[in-house]
Amino acid sequence: MFPFAWAVIVLLILVNALYVAGEFSAVGARRSRIRRLAAGGNRLAGRLAPVLEDPYALDRYIAASQIGITLSSLVLGAYAQAAIAPALEPLFVYWTSFEEVAAESAAITVVLVGLAALQVVVGELVPKALALQYPTRTALATVLPMQLSLRLFAWFIAVLNGSGLVVLRLLRLTYTGHRHVHSPEEIELLIAESRDGGLLEPEEQVRLHRALRLGLRTARELMVPRDRIAGLSIDLPIEEVLGVAATSPYTRLPVFRGSIDDVAGILHTRDLELAYTRDDRPSSVEPLLRPVVRVPADMSADRLLAQLRERRTHLALVVDRHEQVAGLVTLEDVLTELLGDVSDEFKGQTGLRRAEARHG
């Protein structure tokens, strides 16, 4: 009786380990890796890829794992209590002189505690560690039994998921499903591990860290302060503007009326040069001005980059909460934060940070 009972117990622990490995590997596997394997003809990856691509399918996949873990644990406890504990009861009576009721309770307790420890180590910790260390291989190895479980537990999953959604709605919580998401700290750890594994060069790691931290920087931290902005008065004669543009290290200059808080637009030196070569050259720079973009000082650098791309402009005025100009930020400033030192595409300098404002 004992060999058969222990065989059943070992089988149930292995079933539990299978579901634990399936759950953690499905969450940890890289979709891009599975997608490439599926495209290369791997049949197991072809079965797994649709699950990882669809949050609803992944949610059902995880639900099947959790149901399998719960059922195997319950069956293991019930079977061990029925098959092992009665065999240990006479030993407790003999060794401890317990009465039958006390010996039965002691035998059940020992069996359940011992099996719980065995299941935690063999059925939980070991498969979890393997799934986290080798997520792709583990996910592929468990996909067939997991898909069989999905069919067996289909009705149970529907009932449990539906009940869970009802409870969440009663609590006024939004359910987002299982997704492959990582915190910034986890992404930094992945970057460091990729570098240590030789997949990334040190320079690539630095650039990735800068990109990851871009959202923590604000326009105020990247901008040129207002007292160091190189600008032009709109009343300046165009001949003088041409002379200033020819000697300026910048290709784009703010043009203001009266003070830097009233910026009329941005003058691009290329527009000025083209206008000056025409027969009907303008008498002032006003017709040549491009619209100016204003952004709040607390805007994050990643949102600022998106704003500059969306508006198709290379610079923006940074304004405070009173709508007063606090400074000027350029695409070059954001890219320098992201990639290191970069140069203006025409003048080859980043001298905005060293310039003083020209008020005409």
Protein backbone atom coordinates (compact mmCIF):
# COMPACT_ATOMS: atom_id res chain seq x y z
CA MET A 1 0.00 0.00 0.00
CA PHE A 2 2.75 2.44 0.94
CA PRO A 3 4.64 2.35 -2.40
CA PHE A 4 1.45 2.98 -4.35
CA ALA A 5 0.41 5.78 -1.98
CA TRP A 6 3.76 7.51 -2.25
CA ALA A 7 3.68 7.15 -6.03
CA VAL A 8 0.33 8.95 -6.07
CA ILE A 9 1.70 11.65 -3.74
CA VAL A 10 4.77 12.19 -5.91
CA LEU A 11 2.57 12.37 -9.00
CA LEU A 12 0.33 15.01 -7.39
CA ILE A 13 3.35 17.09 -6.36
CA LEU A 14 4.70 16.90 -9.91
CA VAL A 15 1.31 17.99 -11.26
CA ASN A 16 1.44 20.97 -8.90
CA ALA A 17 4.97 21.75 -10.10
CA LEU A 18 3.79 21.59 -13.71
CA TYR A 19 1.10 24.21 -13.12
CA VAL A 20 3.47 26.48 -11.17
CA ALA A 21 6.06 26.28 -13.95
CA GLY A 22 3.39 26.91 -16.59
CA GLU A 23 2.10 30.00 -14.81
CA PHE A 24 5.43 31.70 -14.12
CA SER A 25 6.96 30.84 -17.48
CA ALA A 26 3.95 32.18 -19.39
CA VAL A 27 4.21 35.50 -17.58
CA GLY A 28 8.00 35.65 -17.88
CA ALA A 29 8.49 34.47 -21.47
CA ARG A 30 9.41 37.14 -24.01
CA ARG A 31 6.75 37.51 -26.67
CA SER A 32 9.29 38.58 -29.28
CA ARG A 33 11.33 35.41 -28.68
CA ILE A 34 8.25 33.15 -28.89
CA ARG A 35 7.09 35.01 -32.00
CA ARG A 36 10.44 34.43 -33.73
CA LEU A 37 10.40 30.72 -32.83
CA ALA A 38 6.86 30.38 -34.16
CA ALA A 39 7.84 32.11 -37.39
CA GLY A 40 10.76 29.69 -37.67
CA GLY A 41 8.41 26.68 -37.61
CA ASN A 42 8.47 25.69 -33.93
CA ARG A 43 5.07 24.08 -33.34
CA LEU A 44 5.08 24.56 -29.57
CA ALA A 45 5.87 28.24 -30.01
CA GLY A 46 3.08 28.43 -32.58
CA ARG A 47 0.67 27.17 -29.92
CA LEU A 48 1.99 29.51 -27.24
CA ALA A 49 2.33 32.72 -29.26
CA PRO A 50 -1.45 33.44 -29.55
CA VAL A 51 -1.77 33.07 -25.78
CA LEU A 52 0.96 35.60 -25.04
CA GLU A 53 -0.31 38.06 -27.64
CA ASP A 54 -3.87 38.16 -26.31
CA PRO A 55 -4.36 39.45 -22.71
CA TYR A 56 -7.70 37.61 -22.46
CA ALA A 57 -6.16 34.31 -23.58
CA LEU A 58 -3.24 34.80 -21.20
CA ASP A 59 -5.68 35.49 -18.39
CA ARG A 60 -7.46 32.16 -19.05
CA TYR A 61 -4.07 30.41 -19.28
CA ILE A 62 -3.09 31.72 -15.83
CA ALA A 63 -6.53 30.83 -14.46
CA ALA A 64 -6.06 27.23 -15.62
CA SER A 65 -2.71 27.14 -13.81
CA GLN A 66 -4.21 28.46 -10.59
CA ILE A 67 -7.09 26.00 -10.73
CA GLY A 68 -4.65 23.14 -11.34
CA ILE A 69 -2.48 24.23 -8.40
CA THR A 70 -5.48 24.48 -6.09
CA LEU A 71 -7.02 21.14 -7.10
CA SER A 72 -3.74 19.21 -6.94
CA SER A 73 -3.03 20.66 -3.47
CA LEU A 74 -6.48 19.76 -2.17
CA VAL A 75 -6.36 16.25 -3.60
CA LEU A 76 -2.84 15.76 -2.23
CA GLY A 77 -3.90 16.74 1.29
CA ALA A 78 -7.05 14.66 1.24
CA TYR A 79 -5.36 11.57 -0.22
CA ALA A 80 -2.38 11.72 2.15
CA GLN A 81 -4.68 12.10 5.12
CA ALA A 82 -6.69 9.07 4.02
CA ALA A 83 -3.82 6.84 2.85
CA ILE A 84 -0.81 7.69 5.02
CA ALA A 85 -2.18 8.95 8.33
CA PRO A 86 -4.03 5.69 9.25
CA ALA A 87 -0.81 3.73 8.74
CA LEU A 88 1.06 6.07 11.10
CA GLU A 89 -1.60 6.05 13.82
CA PRO A 90 -0.52 2.66 15.41
CA LEU A 91 3.08 3.90 15.53
CA PHE A 92 2.05 6.95 17.55
CA VAL A 93 0.05 4.73 19.90
CA TYR A 94 3.05 2.44 20.36
CA TRP A 95 5.75 5.13 20.69
CA THR A 96 3.90 7.74 22.69
CA SER A 97 1.18 5.81 24.49
CA PHE A 98 -1.36 8.23 22.98
CA GLU A 99 -4.98 7.27 22.95
CA GLU A 100 -6.44 6.47 19.55
CA VAL A 101 -8.04 9.87 19.06
CA ALA A 102 -4.85 11.76 20.00
CA ALA A 103 -2.70 9.40 17.91
CA GLU A 104 -4.97 9.96 14.91
CA SER A 105 -4.72 13.74 15.25
CA ALA A 106 -0.94 13.58 15.66
CA ALA A 107 -0.57 11.35 12.59
CA ILE A 108 -2.72 13.69 10.46
CA THR A 109 -0.76 16.71 11.64
CA VAL A 110 2.61 15.14 10.88
CA VAL A 111 1.48 14.01 7.43
CA LEU A 112 0.02 17.38 6.46
CA VAL A 113 2.98 19.41 7.76
CA GLY A 114 5.52 17.10 6.13
CA LEU A 115 3.72 17.07 2.79
CA ALA A 116 3.20 20.83 2.91
CA ALA A 117 6.95 21.35 3.32
CA LEU A 118 7.69 18.87 0.52
CA GLN A 119 5.16 20.49 -1.78
CA VAL A 120 6.47 24.02 -1.12
CA VAL A 121 10.02 22.98 -1.98
CA VAL A 122 9.46 20.51 -4.83
CA GLY A 123 6.10 21.69 -6.10
CA GLU A 124 6.50 25.46 -5.72
CA LEU A 125 10.02 26.84 -5.21
CA VAL A 126 11.93 24.58 -7.61
CA PRO A 127 9.58 24.92 -10.62
CA LYS A 128 9.22 28.66 -9.96
CA ALA A 129 13.01 29.09 -10.01
CA LEU A 130 13.32 27.07 -13.21
CA ALA A 131 10.51 29.01 -14.89
CA LEU A 132 12.05 32.37 -14.01
CA GLN A 133 15.54 31.30 -15.08
CA TYR A 134 14.49 29.56 -18.29
CA PRO A 135 11.08 31.08 -19.13
CA THR A 136 11.06 30.28 -22.85
CA ARG A 137 12.07 26.65 -22.56
CA THR A 138 9.77 26.07 -19.60
CA ALA A 139 6.80 27.72 -21.33
CA LEU A 140 7.29 25.56 -24.42
CA ALA A 141 7.66 22.40 -22.33
CA THR A 142 4.41 23.03 -20.46
CA VAL A 143 2.22 24.42 -23.24
CA LEU A 144 0.63 21.09 -24.27
CA PRO A 145 -0.56 20.00 -20.80
CA MET A 146 -1.63 23.59 -20.12
CA GLN A 147 -3.78 23.68 -23.24
CA LEU A 148 -5.31 20.33 -22.27
CA SER A 149 -6.10 21.84 -18.87
CA LEU A 150 -7.69 24.82 -20.57
CA ARG A 151 -10.17 22.50 -22.27
CA LEU A 152 -10.83 20.48 -19.12
CA PHE A 153 -11.33 23.53 -16.90
CA ALA A 154 -13.11 25.71 -19.49
CA TRP A 155 -16.44 25.87 -17.64
CA PHE A 156 -14.74 26.31 -14.27
CA ILE A 157 -12.58 29.15 -15.60
CA ALA A 158 -15.62 30.93 -17.02
CA VAL A 159 -17.44 30.71 -13.69
CA LEU A 160 -14.47 31.83 -11.60
CA ASN A 161 -13.45 34.68 -13.93
CA GLY A 162 -17.02 35.89 -14.09
CA SER A 163 -17.32 35.80 -10.31
CA GLY A 164 -14.04 37.65 -9.94
CA LEU A 165 -15.17 40.41 -12.31
CA VAL A 166 -18.41 40.80 -10.35
CA VAL A 167 -16.48 41.21 -7.09
CA LEU A 168 -14.14 43.77 -8.69
CA ARG A 169 -17.09 45.77 -10.00
CA LEU A 170 -18.66 45.75 -6.53
CA LEU A 171 -15.36 47.11 -5.19
CA ARG A 172 -15.26 49.66 -8.06
CA LEU A 173 -11.93 48.35 -9.27
CA THR A 174 -10.80 47.97 -12.88
CA TYR A 175 -9.48 44.63 -14.03
CA THR A 176 -6.61 44.89 -16.52
CA GLY A 177 -5.78 41.21 -16.96
CA HIS A 178 -2.35 39.61 -16.98
CA ARG A 179 0.15 41.62 -19.00
CA HIS A 180 3.88 41.52 -19.56
CA VAL A 181 4.71 44.70 -17.67
CA HIS A 182 7.86 45.66 -15.80
CA SER A 183 8.65 48.50 -13.45
CA PRO A 184 11.53 50.88 -14.32
CA GLU A 185 13.64 49.18 -11.64
CA GLU A 186 12.99 45.75 -13.20
CA ILE A 187 13.89 47.08 -16.65
CA GLU A 188 17.13 48.50 -15.29
CA LEU A 189 17.91 45.09 -13.80
CA LEU A 190 17.22 43.43 -17.17
CA ILE A 191 19.53 45.93 -18.88
CA ALA A 192 22.30 45.25 -16.36
CA GLU A 193 21.88 41.48 -16.75
CA SER A 194 21.99 41.80 -20.54
CA ARG A 195 25.24 43.76 -20.27
CA ASP A 196 26.75 41.22 -17.88
CA GLY A 197 25.71 38.46 -20.27
CA GLY A 198 27.50 40.16 -23.16
CA LEU A 199 24.35 41.10 -25.10
CA LEU A 200 24.87 44.85 -24.64
CA GLU A 201 27.92 47.03 -24.94
CA PRO A 202 28.60 49.46 -22.05
CA GLU A 203 27.70 52.42 -24.30
CA GLU A 204 24.40 50.80 -25.22
CA GLN A 205 23.62 50.22 -21.56
CA VAL A 206 24.26 53.92 -20.80
CA ARG A 207 21.94 55.00 -23.63
CA LEU A 208 19.19 52.65 -22.46
CA HIS A 209 19.49 53.93 -18.89
CA ARG A 210 19.24 57.50 -20.17
CA ALA A 211 16.15 56.65 -22.18
CA LEU A 212 14.58 54.94 -19.15
CA ARG A 213 15.23 57.98 -16.95
CA LEU A 214 14.11 60.51 -19.54
CA GLY A 215 10.65 60.70 -18.02
CA LEU A 216 12.13 61.80 -14.69
CA ARG A 217 13.64 64.98 -16.17
CA THR A 218 11.53 68.09 -16.75
CA ALA A 219 11.61 70.90 -19.28
CA ARG A 220 12.81 73.24 -16.53
CA GLU A 221 15.87 71.06 -15.92
CA LEU A 222 16.77 70.93 -19.63
CA MET A 223 15.96 74.49 -20.69
CA VAL A 224 18.17 77.52 -21.31
CA PRO A 225 17.20 80.12 -18.68
CA ARG A 226 15.45 83.23 -20.02
CA ASP A 227 18.40 85.52 -19.21
CA ARG A 228 20.63 83.43 -21.50
CA ILE A 229 18.31 83.18 -24.51
CA ALA A 230 19.68 84.57 -27.77
CA GLY A 231 16.77 86.50 -29.28
CA LEU A 232 15.97 89.35 -31.67
CA SER A 233 13.63 92.32 -31.47
CA ILE A 234 10.96 92.35 -34.18
CA ASP A 235 11.75 96.07 -34.78
CA LEU A 236 15.33 95.35 -35.82
CA PRO A 237 15.90 96.27 -39.51
CA ILE A 238 16.26 93.23 -41.70
CA GLU A 239 19.79 94.20 -42.76
CA GLU A 240 20.88 94.14 -39.13
CA VAL A 241 19.00 90.89 -38.60
CA LEU A 242 20.94 89.39 -41.49
CA GLY A 243 24.22 90.48 -39.93
CA VAL A 244 23.25 89.02 -36.56
CA ALA A 245 22.16 85.74 -38.16
CA ALA A 246 25.42 85.50 -40.12
CA THR A 247 27.50 85.74 -36.96
CA SER A 248 25.19 83.82 -34.65
CA PRO A 249 26.00 80.20 -33.80
CA TYR A 250 22.28 79.34 -33.92
CA THR A 251 20.00 78.48 -36.80
CA ARG A 252 16.77 79.35 -34.97
CA LEU A 253 16.23 82.58 -33.04
CA PRO A 254 13.22 83.72 -31.00
CA VAL A 255 11.84 87.08 -32.17
CA PHE A 256 10.03 89.14 -29.54
CA ARG A 257 8.05 92.34 -29.20
CA GLY A 258 9.32 94.57 -26.44
CA SER A 259 10.39 91.80 -24.05
CA ILE A 260 11.14 88.10 -24.11
CA ASP A 261 7.71 87.41 -22.56
CA ASP A 262 6.05 88.45 -25.83
CA VAL A 263 7.60 86.17 -28.44
CA ALA A 264 6.13 86.72 -31.91
CA GLY A 265 7.67 83.62 -33.46
CA ILE A 266 10.84 81.77 -34.40
CA LEU A 267 13.16 82.93 -37.18
CA HIS A 268 15.03 80.24 -39.07
CA THR A 269 18.23 81.60 -40.67
CA ARG A 270 17.55 79.53 -43.78
CA ASP A 271 14.23 81.35 -44.31
CA LEU A 272 16.03 84.67 -43.86
CA GLU A 273 18.73 83.83 -46.40
CA LEU A 274 16.18 82.65 -48.98
CA ALA A 275 14.07 85.79 -48.51
CA TYR A 276 17.06 88.07 -48.82
CA THR A 277 17.99 86.60 -52.20
CA ARG A 278 14.55 87.37 -53.68
CA ASP A 279 13.77 90.55 -55.55
CA ASP A 280 10.76 91.27 -53.31
CA ARG A 281 12.68 90.90 -50.06
CA PRO A 282 10.62 91.78 -46.96
CA SER A 283 11.34 94.92 -44.98
CA SER A 284 10.97 93.12 -41.64
CA VAL A 285 11.32 89.63 -40.29
CA GLU A 286 7.67 89.31 -39.28
CA PRO A 287 6.52 87.54 -42.51
CA LEU A 288 9.32 84.99 -42.05
CA LEU A 289 8.44 83.92 -38.53
CA ARG A 290 7.37 80.40 -37.72
CA PRO A 291 4.88 79.63 -34.92
CA VAL A 292 6.34 79.19 -31.46
CA VAL A 293 5.41 76.28 -29.21
CA ARG A 294 4.97 76.84 -25.48
CA VAL A 295 5.28 74.05 -22.93
CA PRO A 296 4.87 74.05 -19.14
CA ALA A 297 8.03 73.97 -17.07
CA ASP A 298 7.02 70.75 -15.31
CA MET A 299 6.48 68.77 -18.54
CA SER A 300 8.53 65.57 -18.52
CA ALA A 301 11.32 65.20 -21.07
CA ASP A 302 9.70 62.22 -22.80
CA ARG A 303 6.42 64.11 -23.25
CA LEU A 304 8.41 67.14 -24.41
CA LEU A 305 10.13 65.04 -27.06
CA ALA A 306 6.76 63.74 -28.24
CA GLN A 307 5.38 67.30 -28.34
CA LEU A 308 8.29 68.57 -30.44
CA ARG A 309 7.87 65.68 -32.87
CA GLU A 310 4.12 66.15 -33.10
CA ARG A 311 4.42 69.89 -33.74
CA ARG A 312 7.37 69.36 -36.11
CA THR A 313 9.50 71.97 -34.40
CA HIS A 314 13.00 72.01 -32.97
CA LEU A 315 12.45 74.29 -30.01
CA ALA A 316 9.82 75.47 -27.56
CA LEU A 317 9.43 78.21 -25.00
CA VAL A 318 9.15 77.01 -21.43
CA VAL A 319 6.57 78.94 -19.42
CA ASP A 320 5.85 78.98 -15.68
CA ARG A 321 2.45 78.76 -14.03
CA HIS A 322 1.94 82.50 -14.65
CA GLU A 323 2.53 82.01 -18.39
CA GLN A 324 5.79 83.95 -18.14
CA VAL A 325 8.74 82.73 -20.20
CA ALA A 326 11.09 80.77 -17.94
CA GLY A 327 13.46 79.60 -20.64
CA LEU A 328 13.86 77.89 -23.98
CA VAL A 329 14.34 74.19 -24.68
CA THR A 330 15.46 72.65 -27.94
CA LEU A 331 15.29 69.22 -29.50
CA GLU A 332 19.06 69.23 -29.17
CA ASP A 333 18.75 69.61 -25.38
CA VAL A 334 16.49 66.57 -25.15
CA LEU A 335 18.66 64.47 -27.46
CA THR A 336 21.76 65.47 -25.50
CA GLU A 337 20.09 64.18 -22.36
CA LEU A 338 19.24 60.97 -24.19
CA LEU A 339 22.31 60.34 -26.37
CA GLY A 340 25.05 62.59 -25.07
CA ASP A 341 26.47 65.65 -26.82
CA VAL A 342 24.97 66.36 -30.25
CA SER A 343 25.52 69.29 -32.60
CA ASP A 344 23.33 71.70 -34.51
CA GLU A 345 22.83 70.40 -38.03
CA PHE A 346 23.88 73.71 -39.66
CA LYS A 347 26.18 75.57 -37.29
CA GLY A 348 27.73 72.64 -35.45
CA GLN A 349 27.53 74.27 -31.99
CA THR A 350 25.41 74.02 -28.89
CA GLY A 351 26.06 77.56 -27.80
CA LEU A 352 22.54 78.48 -26.70
CA ARG A 353 23.58 77.81 -23.15
CA ARG A 354 26.39 80.37 -23.40
CA ALA A 355 24.52 83.18 -25.15
CA GLU A 356 23.07 86.40 -23.79
CA ALA A 357 19.74 87.82 -25.00
CA ARG A 358 19.82 90.51 -27.65
CA HIS A 359 17.08 93.09 -27.18
CA GLY A 360 17.73 94.99 -30.38
